[in-house]
C-alpha atoms as a PDB file:
ATOM      1  CA  MET A   1      -0.037   0.159   0.054  1.00  0.00           C
ATOM      2  CA  SER A   2       1.487   3.581  -1.076  1.00  0.00           C
ATOM      3  CA  ASP A   3       2.166   6.200   1.326  1.00  0.00           C
ATOM      4  CA  LYS A   4      -0.698   8.183  -0.333  1.00  0.00           C
ATOM      5  CA  LYS A   5      -2.840   5.554  -0.086  1.00  0.00           C
ATOM      6  CA  ILE A   6      -2.373   5.450   3.659  1.00  0.00           C
ATOM      7  CA  ILE A   7      -2.737   9.118   3.931  1.00  0.00           C
ATOM      8  CA  TYR A   8      -6.226   8.915   2.219  1.00  0.00           C
ATOM      9  CA  LEU A   9      -7.608   6.032   4.388  1.00  0.00           C
ATOM     10  CA  ILE A  10      -6.738   8.198   7.518  1.00  0.00           C
ATOM     11  CA  ARG A  11      -8.538  11.321   6.090  1.00  0.00           C
ATOM     12  CA  LYS A  12     -11.575   9.180   5.269  1.00  0.00           C
ATOM     13  CA  GLY A  13     -11.769   7.836   8.902  1.00  0.00           C
ATOM     14  CA  LYS A  14     -10.628   4.249   7.846  1.00  0.00           C
ATOM     15  CA  ASP A  15      -7.257   4.125  10.559  1.00  0.00           C
ATOM     16  CA  SER A  16      -7.829   0.543  11.215  1.00  0.00           C
ATOM     17  CA  ILE A  17      -6.745  -0.280   7.349  1.00  0.00           C
ATOM     18  CA  ALA A  18      -3.859   1.973   7.552  1.00  0.00           C
ATOM     19  CA  LEU A  19      -2.991   1.238  11.178  1.00  0.00           C
ATOM     20  CA  GLU A  20      -2.473  -2.408   9.820  1.00  0.00           C
ATOM     21  CA  LYS A  21       0.333  -1.125   7.148  1.00  0.00           C
ATOM     22  CA  LEU A  22       1.840   1.365   9.886  1.00  0.00           C
ATOM     23  CA  TYR A  23       2.702  -1.171  12.500  1.00  0.00           C
ATOM     24  CA  LYS A  24       5.087  -3.258  10.448  1.00  0.00           C
ATOM     25  CA  ILE A  25       7.269  -0.020  11.537  1.00  0.00           C
ATOM     26  CA  TYR A  26       7.055  -1.128  15.203  1.00  0.00           C
ATOM     27  CA  PRO A  27       9.974  -4.065  15.321  1.00  0.00           C
ATOM     28  CA  ALA A  28      12.423  -0.828  14.129  1.00  0.00           C
ATOM     29  CA  VAL A  29      11.169   1.503  16.854  1.00  0.00           C
ATOM     30  CA  LYS A  30      11.217  -1.547  19.189  1.00  0.00           C
ATOM     31  CA  LYS A  31      14.840  -1.997  18.624  1.00  0.00           C
ATOM     32  CA  TYR A  32      15.792   1.607  18.665  1.00  0.00           C
ATOM     33  CA  VAL A  33      13.935   2.418  22.039  1.00  0.00           C
ATOM     34  CA  LEU A  34      15.514  -0.740  23.624  1.00  0.00           C
ATOM     35  CA  ASP A  35      19.236   0.317  22.693  1.00  0.00           C
ATOM     36  CA  ASN A  36      18.876   3.855  23.897  1.00  0.00           C
ATOM     37  CA  ASN A  37      17.852   2.770  27.557  1.00  0.00           C
ATOM     38  CA  GLY A  38      14.073   2.085  26.863  1.00  0.00           C
ATOM     39  CA  THR A  39      11.937  -0.715  27.637  1.00  0.00           C
ATOM     40  CA  HIS A  40       9.036  -2.884  25.653  1.00  0.00           C
ATOM     41  CA  GLU A  41       6.655  -1.055  27.570  1.00  0.00           C
ATOM     42  CA  ASP A  42       8.495   2.266  26.572  1.00  0.00           C
ATOM     43  CA  ALA A  43       8.782   1.258  22.972  1.00  0.00           C
ATOM     44  CA  ALA A  44       4.832   0.561  22.613  1.00  0.00           C
ATOM     45  CA  ASP A  45       3.826   3.660  24.234  1.00  0.00           C
ATOM     46  CA  ILE A  46       6.303   5.884  22.264  1.00  0.00           C
ATOM     47  CA  PHE A  47       5.332   3.967  19.029  1.00  0.00           C
ATOM     48  CA  GLN A  48       1.385   4.545  20.085  1.00  0.00           C
ATOM     49  CA  ASP A  49       1.823   8.117  20.797  1.00  0.00           C
ATOM     50  CA  ALA A  50       3.775   8.677  17.621  1.00  0.00           C
ATOM     51  CA  LEU A  51       0.867   7.145  15.513  1.00  0.00           C
ATOM     52  CA  SER A  52      -1.409   9.405  17.203  1.00  0.00           C
ATOM     53  CA  ILE A  53       0.565  12.594  16.441  1.00  0.00           C
ATOM     54  CA  PHE A  54       0.968  11.079  12.717  1.00  0.00           C
ATOM     55  CA  ILE A  55      -2.562  10.814  12.166  1.00  0.00           C
ATOM     56  CA  GLN A  56      -3.376  14.297  14.074  1.00  0.00           C
ATOM     57  CA  LYS A  57      -0.721  15.789  10.994  1.00  0.00           C
ATOM     58  CA  VAL A  58      -2.376  13.852   8.299  1.00  0.00           C
ATOM     59  CA  MET A  59      -5.777  15.462   9.201  1.00  0.00           C
ATOM     60  CA  ASP A  60      -4.411  18.602   8.589  1.00  0.00           C
ATOM     61  CA  ASN A  61      -5.150  19.540   4.920  1.00  0.00           C
ATOM     62  CA  ASN A  62      -1.762  21.308   4.803  1.00  0.00           C
ATOM     63  CA  PHE A  63       0.053  18.539   5.753  1.00  0.00           C
ATOM     64  CA  THR A  64       2.536  17.771   3.069  1.00  0.00           C
ATOM     65  CA  LEU A  65       4.816  14.324   3.711  1.00  0.00           C
ATOM     66  CA  SER A  66       8.749  15.127   2.705  1.00  0.00           C
ATOM     67  CA  SER A  67       9.991  11.410   3.495  1.00  0.00           C
ATOM     68  CA  SER A  68       8.040   8.164   3.296  1.00  0.00           C
ATOM     69  CA  ILE A  69       5.833   7.440   5.969  1.00  0.00           C
ATOM     70  CA  SER A  70       8.154   4.722   8.034  1.00  0.00           C
ATOM     71  CA  THR A  71      10.932   7.728   8.100  1.00  0.00           C
ATOM     72  CA  TYR A  72       8.353   9.968   9.388  1.00  0.00           C
ATOM     73  CA  ILE A  73       6.983   8.228  11.941  1.00  0.00           C
ATOM     74  CA  PHE A  74      10.314   6.628  13.021  1.00  0.00           C
ATOM     75  CA  GLY A  75      11.347  10.348  13.344  1.00  0.00           C
ATOM     76  CA  ILE A  76       8.271  11.382  15.702  1.00  0.00           C
ATOM     77  CA  CYS A  77       9.779   7.867  17.814  1.00  0.00           C
ATOM     78  CA  LYS A  78      13.049   9.073  18.065  1.00  0.00           C
ATOM     79  CA  ASN A  79      12.218  12.500  19.381  1.00  0.00           C
ATOM     80  CA  LEU A  80       9.713  10.966  21.536  1.00  0.00           C
ATOM     81  CA  ASN A  81      12.225   8.868  23.134  1.00  0.00           C
ATOM     82  CA  TYR A  82      14.487  11.531  23.302  1.00  0.00           C
ATOM     83  CA  GLU A  83      12.308  13.404  25.292  1.00  0.00           C
ATOM     84  CA  LYS A  84      11.309  10.562  27.581  1.00  0.00           C
ATOM     85  CA  ASN A  85      15.071  10.192  28.258  1.00  0.00           C
ATOM     86  CA  ARG A  86      15.624  13.739  29.123  1.00  0.00           C
ATOM     87  CA  LYS A  87      12.563  13.941  31.339  1.00  0.00           C
ATOM     88  CA  LEU A  88      13.964  11.308  33.181  1.00  0.00           C
ATOM     89  CA  LYS A  89      17.127  12.543  33.516  1.00  0.00           C
ATOM     90  CA  LYS A  90      18.785   9.532  32.150  1.00  0.00           C
ATOM     91  CA  LYS A  91      22.619   9.825  31.808  1.00  0.00           C
ATOM     92  CA  ILE A  92      22.972   9.420  28.504  1.00  0.00           C
ATOM     93  CA  ASN A  93      23.814  13.223  27.198  1.00  0.00           C
ATOM     94  CA  PHE A  94      21.728  12.969  23.542  1.00  0.00           C
ATOM     95  CA  GLU A  95      22.585  16.737  23.052  1.00  0.00           C
ATOM     96  CA  ASN A  96      26.614  16.663  22.874  1.00  0.00           C
ATOM     97  CA  ARG A  97      26.509  13.153  21.590  1.00  0.00           C
ATOM     98  CA  ILE A  98      27.963  12.781  17.979  1.00  0.00           C
ATOM     99  CA  LEU A  99      26.645  10.076  15.604  1.00  0.00           C
ATOM    100  CA  SER A 100      29.283   7.692  15.063  1.00  0.00           C
ATOM    101  CA  GLU A 101      30.039   6.259  11.820  1.00  0.00           C
ATOM    102  CA  GLU A 102      28.352   2.820  12.933  1.00  0.00           C
ATOM    103  CA  ASP A 103      25.098   5.131  14.008  1.00  0.00           C
ATOM    104  CA  LEU A 104      24.973   6.744  10.300  1.00  0.00           C
ATOM    105  CA  LYS A 105      25.718   3.528   8.908  1.00  0.00           C
ATOM    106  CA  SER A 106      22.571   1.944  10.469  1.00  0.00           C
ATOM    107  CA  ILE A 107      20.323   4.989   9.765  1.00  0.00           C
ATOM    108  CA  GLU A 108      21.321   4.222   6.167  1.00  0.00           C
ATOM    109  CA  GLU A 109      20.960   0.632   6.362  1.00  0.00           C
ATOM    110  CA  TYR A 110      17.331   0.999   7.675  1.00  0.00           C
ATOM    111  CA  ILE A 111      16.523   3.754   4.939  1.00  0.00           C
ATOM    112  CA  GLU A 112      18.114   1.326   2.021  1.00  0.00           C
ATOM    113  CA  GLU A 113      16.335  -1.531   3.754  1.00  0.00           C
ATOM    114  CA  GLU A 114      12.943   0.170   3.724  1.00  0.00           C
ATOM    115  CA  GLU A 115      13.416   1.229  -0.216  1.00  0.00           C
ATOM    116  CA  LYS A 116      14.085  -2.650  -0.819  1.00  0.00           C
ATOM    117  CA  TYR A 117      10.799  -3.523   0.740  1.00  0.00           C
ATOM    118  CA  LYS A 118       8.741  -1.218  -1.183  1.00  0.00           C
ATOM    119  CA  LYS A 119      10.180  -2.373  -4.499  1.00  0.00           C
ATOM    120  CA  LEU A 120       9.494  -6.005  -3.287  1.00  0.00           C
ATOM    121  CA  ASP A 121       5.992  -5.038  -2.184  1.00  0.00           C
ATOM    122  CA  ALA A 122       5.379  -3.367  -5.872  1.00  0.00           C
ATOM    123  CA  ALA A 123       7.166  -6.716  -7.329  1.00  0.00           C
ATOM    124  CA  LEU A 124       4.817  -9.096  -5.694  1.00  0.00           C
ATOM    125  CA  GLU A 125       1.360  -6.877  -5.882  1.00  0.00           C
ATOM    126  CA  SER A 126       2.190  -6.801  -9.864  1.00  0.00           C
ATOM    127  CA  SER A 127       2.256 -10.798  -9.964  1.00  0.00           C
ATOM    128  CA  GLY A 128      -1.459 -10.822  -8.932  1.00  0.00           C
ATOM    129  CA  LYS A 129      -3.674 -11.095  -6.365  1.00  0.00           C
ATOM    130  CA  LYS A 130      -3.450 -15.297  -6.689  1.00  0.00           C
ATOM    131  CA  CYS A 131       0.138 -15.237  -6.803  1.00  0.00           C
ATOM    132  CA  LEU A 132       0.300 -12.884  -3.846  1.00  0.00           C
ATOM    133  CA  GLU A 133      -1.745 -15.368  -1.697  1.00  0.00           C
ATOM    134  CA  LEU A 134       0.044 -18.468  -2.981  1.00  0.00           C
ATOM    135  CA  LEU A 135       3.491 -16.622  -1.973  1.00  0.00           C
ATOM    136  CA  GLN A 136       2.163 -15.283   1.603  1.00  0.00           C
ATOM    137  CA  LEU A 137       0.947 -18.900   2.245  1.00  0.00           C
ATOM    138  CA  TYR A 138       4.234 -20.576   1.397  1.00  0.00           C
ATOM    139  CA  TYR A 139       6.559 -17.924   3.015  1.00  0.00           C
ATOM    140  CA  TYR A 140       4.510 -16.138   5.678  1.00  0.00           C
ATOM    141  CA  ARG A 141       2.503 -18.796   6.916  1.00  0.00           C
ATOM    142  CA  ARG A 142       5.115 -21.367   6.184  1.00  0.00           C
ATOM    143  CA  LEU A 143       2.624 -23.848   4.992  1.00  0.00           C
ATOM    144  CA  SER A 144       3.615 -27.128   2.574  1.00  0.00           C
ATOM    145  CA  MET A 145       2.797 -26.891  -1.244  1.00  0.00           C
ATOM    146  CA  LYS A 146       0.306 -29.933  -0.470  1.00  0.00           C
ATOM    147  CA  GLN A 147      -1.406 -27.666   1.899  1.00  0.00           C
ATOM    148  CA  ILE A 148      -1.295 -24.600  -0.488  1.00  0.00           C
ATOM    149  CA  ALA A 149      -2.592 -26.899  -3.139  1.00  0.00           C
ATOM    150  CA  GLN A 150      -5.536 -27.923  -1.205  1.00  0.00           C
ATOM    151  CA  ILE A 151      -6.375 -24.254  -0.112  1.00  0.00           C
ATOM    152  CA  LEU A 152      -6.274 -22.756  -3.477  1.00  0.00           C
ATOM    153  CA  GLY A 153      -7.751 -25.442  -5.166  1.00  0.00           C
ATOM    154  CA  TYR A 154      -4.986 -26.658  -7.434  1.00  0.00           C
ATOM    155  CA  SER A 155      -4.990 -30.422  -8.730  1.00  0.00           C
ATOM    156  CA  SER A 156      -1.833 -31.416  -7.130  1.00  0.00           C
ATOM    157  CA  GLU A 157       1.121 -30.523  -5.089  1.00  0.00           C
ATOM    158  CA  LYS A 158       3.312 -30.382  -8.042  1.00  0.00           C
ATOM    159  CA  SER A 159       1.047 -27.886  -9.755  1.00  0.00           C
ATOM    160  CA  ALA A 160       1.041 -25.672  -6.746  1.00  0.00           C
ATOM    161  CA  LYS A 161       4.858 -25.698  -6.909  1.00  0.00           C
ATOM    162  CA  THR A 162       4.806 -24.914 -10.958  1.00  0.00           C
ATOM    163  CA  GLN A 163       2.301 -22.162  -9.718  1.00  0.00           C
ATOM    164  CA  LYS A 164       4.724 -20.578  -7.319  1.00  0.00           C
ATOM    165  CA  TYR A 165       7.789 -20.838  -9.604  1.00  0.00           C
ATOM    166  CA  LYS A 166       5.580 -18.894 -12.137  1.00  0.00           C
ATOM    167  CA  CYS A 167       4.763 -16.520  -9.617  1.00  0.00           C
ATOM    168  CA  LEU A 168       7.954 -15.805  -8.807  1.00  0.00           C
ATOM    169  CA  GLU A 169       9.239 -15.349 -12.354  1.00  0.00           C
ATOM    170  CA  LYS A 170       6.591 -12.749 -12.687  1.00  0.00           C
ATOM    171  CA  ALA A 171       7.896 -10.678  -9.973  1.00  0.00           C
ATOM    172  CA  ARG A 172      11.458 -11.293 -11.070  1.00  0.00           C
ATOM    173  CA  LYS A 173      10.296  -9.966 -14.555  1.00  0.00           C
ATOM    174  CA  PHE A 174       9.133  -6.871 -13.018  1.00  0.00           C
ATOM    175  CA  ILE A 175      11.904  -6.223 -10.842  1.00  0.00           C
ATOM    176  CA  ASN A 176      13.934  -6.336 -13.923  1.00  0.00           C
ATOM    177  CA  SER A 177      11.682  -4.226 -16.025  1.00  0.00           C
ATOM    178  CA  LYS A 178      12.067  -1.603 -13.694  1.00  0.00           C
ATOM    179  CA  GLY A 179      15.763  -1.918 -13.234  1.00  0.00           C
ATOM    180  CA  PHE A 180      15.616  -2.467  -9.479  1.00  0.00           C
ATOM    181  CA  ASN A 181      18.725  -3.254  -7.620  1.00  0.00           C
ATOM    182  CA  ILE A 182      17.360  -5.655  -4.551  1.00  0.00           C
END
């Protein structure tokens, strides 16, 4: 789902559909909070607060997104975590902290990874609804080809396997046609 579509859904009051997509950002936020003197509860609270802030901003018709939604929400979370630490007078002095090369590298890696996932999403969506369902059953739910054949109505495990191969080929062709470097 594109960032524009998420913003559209939020503005139309269909937050639950958009939030489902936004929750994919949570693991990165949780890792960041835990790495910066936070707890699992802090991460959950910060993420919830960031989503509330984001939704409030989106509802303002003057709001324009200057980065991806994930980057934007991650930035809100970083600021909220910073404020939490400052208020609790943690010993970490973020104001005088200079980002090390390792910190910069991890931020760049996160952004590159986010771009890679967007390209993969586009490739999978281009392969069609049936292919997307088959690949989700195989890779996300980790079902066997026999189970997938039964669920999707293929005549045999072999035909499900053949279809999976064709779906992956469609996705590869899309990636190659767009010149994506994944």
